[in-house]
Amino acid sequence: MPDDDVRLLGEILDGWAGATPDGEALAYQDRKWTWRELHDQVARLSGALSTAGIGRGDRVAFVDKNHSACLQVTFAAAAPRPQPGMGCGSPG
């Protein structure tokens, strides 16, 4: 695969949330999330990880039953967060 075809998880989520914000992104049992809702949830989780001191190079584990939160945490863990010395900002 050529390098220009490689995208990060956050870029994929941003692309879908921008292109079809009200489209169905995720369905689990009787709950559905739009791309906008998923994007917003991931931004909040990413901020919480950052507040907890989780940054680039850290490992994040998710231990639970098969659940939609696993996908949300995976996207949040992969989302870029401000690095020390690079200023601060809020995700999303």
Protein backbone atom coordinates (compact mmCIF):
# COMPACT_ATOMS: atom_id res chain seq x y z
CA MET A 1 0.00 0.00 0.00
CA PRO A 2 1.50 3.39 -0.96
CA ASP A 3 2.18 5.78 1.93
CA ASP A 4 -0.36 8.33 0.65
CA ASP A 5 -3.11 5.72 1.22
CA VAL A 6 -2.21 5.31 4.90
CA ARG A 7 -4.49 7.17 7.29
CA LEU A 8 -4.56 7.27 11.06
CA LEU A 9 -7.69 6.18 12.94
CA GLY A 10 -8.40 9.77 13.94
CA GLU A 11 -8.21 10.89 10.32
CA ILE A 12 -10.68 8.19 9.31
CA LEU A 13 -13.10 9.23 12.06
CA ASP A 14 -12.69 12.92 11.20
CA GLY A 15 -13.36 12.18 7.54
CA TRP A 16 -16.56 10.24 8.16
CA ALA A 17 -17.80 12.73 10.79
CA GLY A 18 -17.20 15.58 8.34
CA ALA A 19 -18.70 13.85 5.30
CA THR A 20 -21.76 12.22 6.89
CA PRO A 21 -22.19 13.61 10.43
CA ASP A 22 -25.75 12.32 10.77
CA GLY A 23 -25.08 8.93 9.21
CA GLU A 24 -25.08 5.81 11.36
CA ALA A 25 -21.56 5.03 12.54
CA LEU A 26 -22.10 2.40 15.20
CA ALA A 27 -24.92 0.19 16.41
CA TYR A 28 -24.79 -1.92 19.53
CA GLN A 29 -27.83 -3.73 20.88
CA ASP A 30 -30.61 -1.09 20.85
CA ARG A 31 -28.27 1.98 20.79
CA LYS A 32 -27.06 3.76 17.66
CA TRP A 33 -24.47 6.53 17.27
CA THR A 34 -24.09 8.95 14.38
CA TRP A 35 -20.63 9.83 13.13
CA ARG A 36 -20.97 13.19 14.92
CA GLU A 37 -21.90 11.51 18.21
CA LEU A 38 -19.07 8.99 17.91
CA HIS A 39 -16.60 11.77 17.08
CA ASP A 40 -17.76 13.85 20.08
CA GLN A 41 -17.56 10.86 22.44
CA VAL A 42 -14.06 10.01 21.22
CA ALA A 43 -12.97 13.63 21.73
CA ARG A 44 -14.24 13.55 25.34
CA LEU A 45 -12.52 10.22 26.02
CA SER A 46 -9.30 11.46 24.44
CA GLY A 47 -9.42 14.51 26.70
CA ALA A 48 -9.95 12.30 29.74
CA LEU A 49 -6.95 10.16 28.76
CA SER A 50 -4.85 13.29 28.33
CA THR A 51 -5.97 14.63 31.73
CA ALA A 52 -4.95 11.28 33.25
CA GLY A 53 -1.46 11.74 31.80
CA ILE A 54 -1.80 9.26 28.93
CA GLY A 55 0.24 10.39 25.94
CA ARG A 56 2.08 9.28 22.84
CA GLY A 57 3.79 5.94 23.32
CA ASP A 58 1.68 4.90 26.31
CA ARG A 59 -0.29 1.67 26.15
CA VAL A 60 -4.00 1.59 26.88
CA ALA A 61 -5.88 -1.63 27.59
CA PHE A 62 -9.60 -2.20 27.49
CA VAL A 63 -10.89 -5.17 29.48
CA ASP A 64 -14.61 -5.78 29.26
CA LYS A 65 -17.20 -7.85 27.48
CA ASN A 66 -17.85 -7.23 23.81
CA HIS A 67 -19.14 -3.67 24.00
CA SER A 68 -19.34 -0.52 21.86
CA ALA A 69 -17.10 1.30 24.36
CA CYS A 70 -14.17 -0.82 23.15
CA LEU A 71 -14.30 0.89 19.76
CA GLN A 72 -14.70 4.32 21.36
CA VAL A 73 -11.72 3.79 23.67
CA THR A 74 -9.63 2.45 20.78
CA PHE A 75 -10.29 5.59 18.72
CA ALA A 76 -9.67 7.81 21.77
CA ALA A 77 -6.37 6.11 22.59
CA ALA A 78 -5.24 6.60 18.98
CA ALA A 79 -6.31 10.26 18.86
CA PRO A 80 -3.52 12.84 18.93
CA ARG A 81 -3.17 14.73 22.19
CA PRO A 82 -1.00 17.73 23.05
CA GLN A 83 2.54 16.69 23.94
CA PRO A 84 4.57 18.31 26.74
CA GLY A 85 6.08 21.55 25.56
CA MET A 86 3.77 21.80 22.55
CA GLY A 87 1.14 24.05 24.10
CA CYS A 88 -2.26 22.99 25.25
CA GLY A 89 -5.65 22.72 23.68
CA SER A 90 -8.79 20.74 23.86
CA PRO A 91 -9.33 17.68 21.67
CA GLY A 92 -11.98 17.70 19.00
